[in-house]
Structure formats: C-alpha cells, structure tokens
Amino acid sequence: MSLESKEFRMVAIKQDTTVQPGGVIHIHSDQLPDGVRAEVIVLVEKPLSVTFPTMRSMIGGAQGSFKSAAEIDAFVRAERDSWER
C-alpha cells in the first residue's frame, strides 16, 4: 500500500520558542513521529509601528474642549453671570 492511498489529518502543535541567531528556531515534540511531512507556520511578535496618543495628550484637543482648569472656571463664571442678568 502506498502513502498516496492513505488518508491523513492535520494535528496542531503549539509551542513558544525564541528565534536563535541566523533566524533559526527549534521545535521538539513527542507528538512528531519520525518521517512524516509537517507544515510549519511561524508567527513572530513585532512591535506596533503605530503610536497611539495618550489620554493626557488628548485633553483639550477636541472642539469645545478646555485646555486647562482655568479655562473651565472662566467659562462657568461667564455662564453663571449670564443667568443673573
């Protein structure tokens, strides 16, 4: 019987490893029988190249926002003054 006539199923084996110099990785598992064909997909961690603004940098940045507590106080005082007129 040839291998071409057999049915095969894929089994996933997950391992975490560190890339060695020269881009080499090592995988060892007792679930890997000698001589079988294996497909390997490597997912590499990569730092995000996109930087996200901090909350602190966004304060006062939107339309209608206040840049400081002093601006808020001045606005509230002006509103209260307009009510008393």
Protein backbone atom coordinates (compact mmCIF):
# COMPACT_ATOMS: atom_id res chain seq x y z
CA MET A 1 0.00 0.00 0.00
CA SER A 2 1.46 3.38 -0.98
CA LEU A 3 1.25 6.56 1.09
CA GLU A 4 -0.80 8.22 -1.66
CA SER A 5 -3.78 5.98 -0.93
CA LYS A 6 -3.89 6.73 2.82
CA GLU A 7 -5.99 9.47 4.34
CA PHE A 8 -4.26 11.98 6.58
CA ARG A 9 -5.46 14.58 9.06
CA MET A 10 -3.64 17.61 10.33
CA VAL A 11 -2.80 17.93 14.02
CA ALA A 12 -1.77 21.29 15.50
CA ILE A 13 1.09 21.53 17.97
CA LYS A 14 1.62 24.93 19.58
CA GLN A 15 4.94 25.87 21.10
CA ASP A 16 6.58 29.12 22.14
CA THR A 17 10.24 29.47 21.30
CA THR A 18 12.90 32.12 20.87
CA VAL A 19 14.44 32.83 17.50
CA GLN A 20 18.13 31.97 17.60
CA PRO A 21 20.87 33.84 15.72
CA GLY A 22 20.54 33.44 11.98
CA GLY A 23 16.74 33.13 12.16
CA VAL A 24 16.87 29.55 13.46
CA ILE A 25 14.06 28.08 15.57
CA HIS A 26 13.95 24.68 17.22
CA ILE A 27 10.79 22.61 17.66
CA HIS A 28 10.72 19.38 19.65
CA SER A 29 7.65 17.31 20.45
CA ASP A 30 6.94 13.68 21.22
CA GLN A 31 3.85 14.15 19.02
CA LEU A 32 6.07 14.45 15.92
CA PRO A 33 6.65 10.94 14.55
CA ASP A 34 9.81 10.31 12.53
CA GLY A 35 9.49 10.64 8.78
CA VAL A 36 6.11 12.37 8.48
CA ARG A 37 5.67 15.51 6.45
CA ALA A 38 4.95 18.67 8.52
CA GLU A 39 3.85 22.15 7.55
CA VAL A 40 5.29 24.90 9.75
CA ILE A 41 3.82 28.39 10.14
CA VAL A 42 5.81 30.82 12.26
CA LEU A 43 4.07 33.79 13.93
CA VAL A 44 6.63 36.39 15.02
CA GLU A 45 5.94 39.10 17.58
CA LYS A 46 6.51 42.54 16.10
CA PRO A 47 6.26 45.86 17.96
CA LEU A 48 3.46 48.08 16.75
CA SER A 49 4.74 50.75 14.40
CA VAL A 50 1.65 52.84 15.03
CA THR A 51 1.74 55.02 18.11
CA PHE A 52 -1.46 55.83 19.89
CA PRO A 53 -1.99 59.17 21.60
CA THR A 54 -2.10 59.16 25.37
CA MET A 55 -5.20 60.37 27.21
CA ARG A 56 -3.18 63.25 28.61
CA SER A 57 -2.24 64.46 25.11
CA MET A 58 -5.90 64.41 24.02
CA ILE A 59 -7.22 66.60 26.85
CA GLY A 60 -8.36 69.89 25.40
CA GLY A 61 -7.78 68.70 21.85
CA ALA A 62 -11.39 68.27 20.72
CA GLN A 63 -13.63 71.05 19.54
CA GLY A 64 -15.38 72.63 22.54
CA SER A 65 -12.86 71.20 25.00
CA PHE A 66 -10.99 73.17 27.60
CA LYS A 67 -7.20 73.16 27.76
CA SER A 68 -6.97 73.92 31.46
CA ALA A 69 -8.95 74.16 34.67
CA ALA A 70 -8.65 77.94 34.50
CA GLU A 71 -10.49 77.94 31.15
CA ILE A 72 -13.26 75.81 32.67
CA ASP A 73 -13.61 78.16 35.66
CA ALA A 74 -13.79 81.20 33.38
CA PHE A 75 -16.45 79.53 31.22
CA VAL A 76 -18.56 78.50 34.24
CA ARG A 77 -18.28 82.01 35.75
CA ALA A 78 -19.39 83.59 32.47
CA GLU A 79 -22.35 81.21 32.24
CA ARG A 80 -23.42 81.94 35.83
CA ASP A 81 -23.08 85.66 35.24
CA SER A 82 -25.31 85.39 32.15
CA TRP A 83 -28.04 83.67 34.24
CA GLU A 84 -28.12 86.53 36.78
CA ARG A 85 -28.72 89.21 34.17
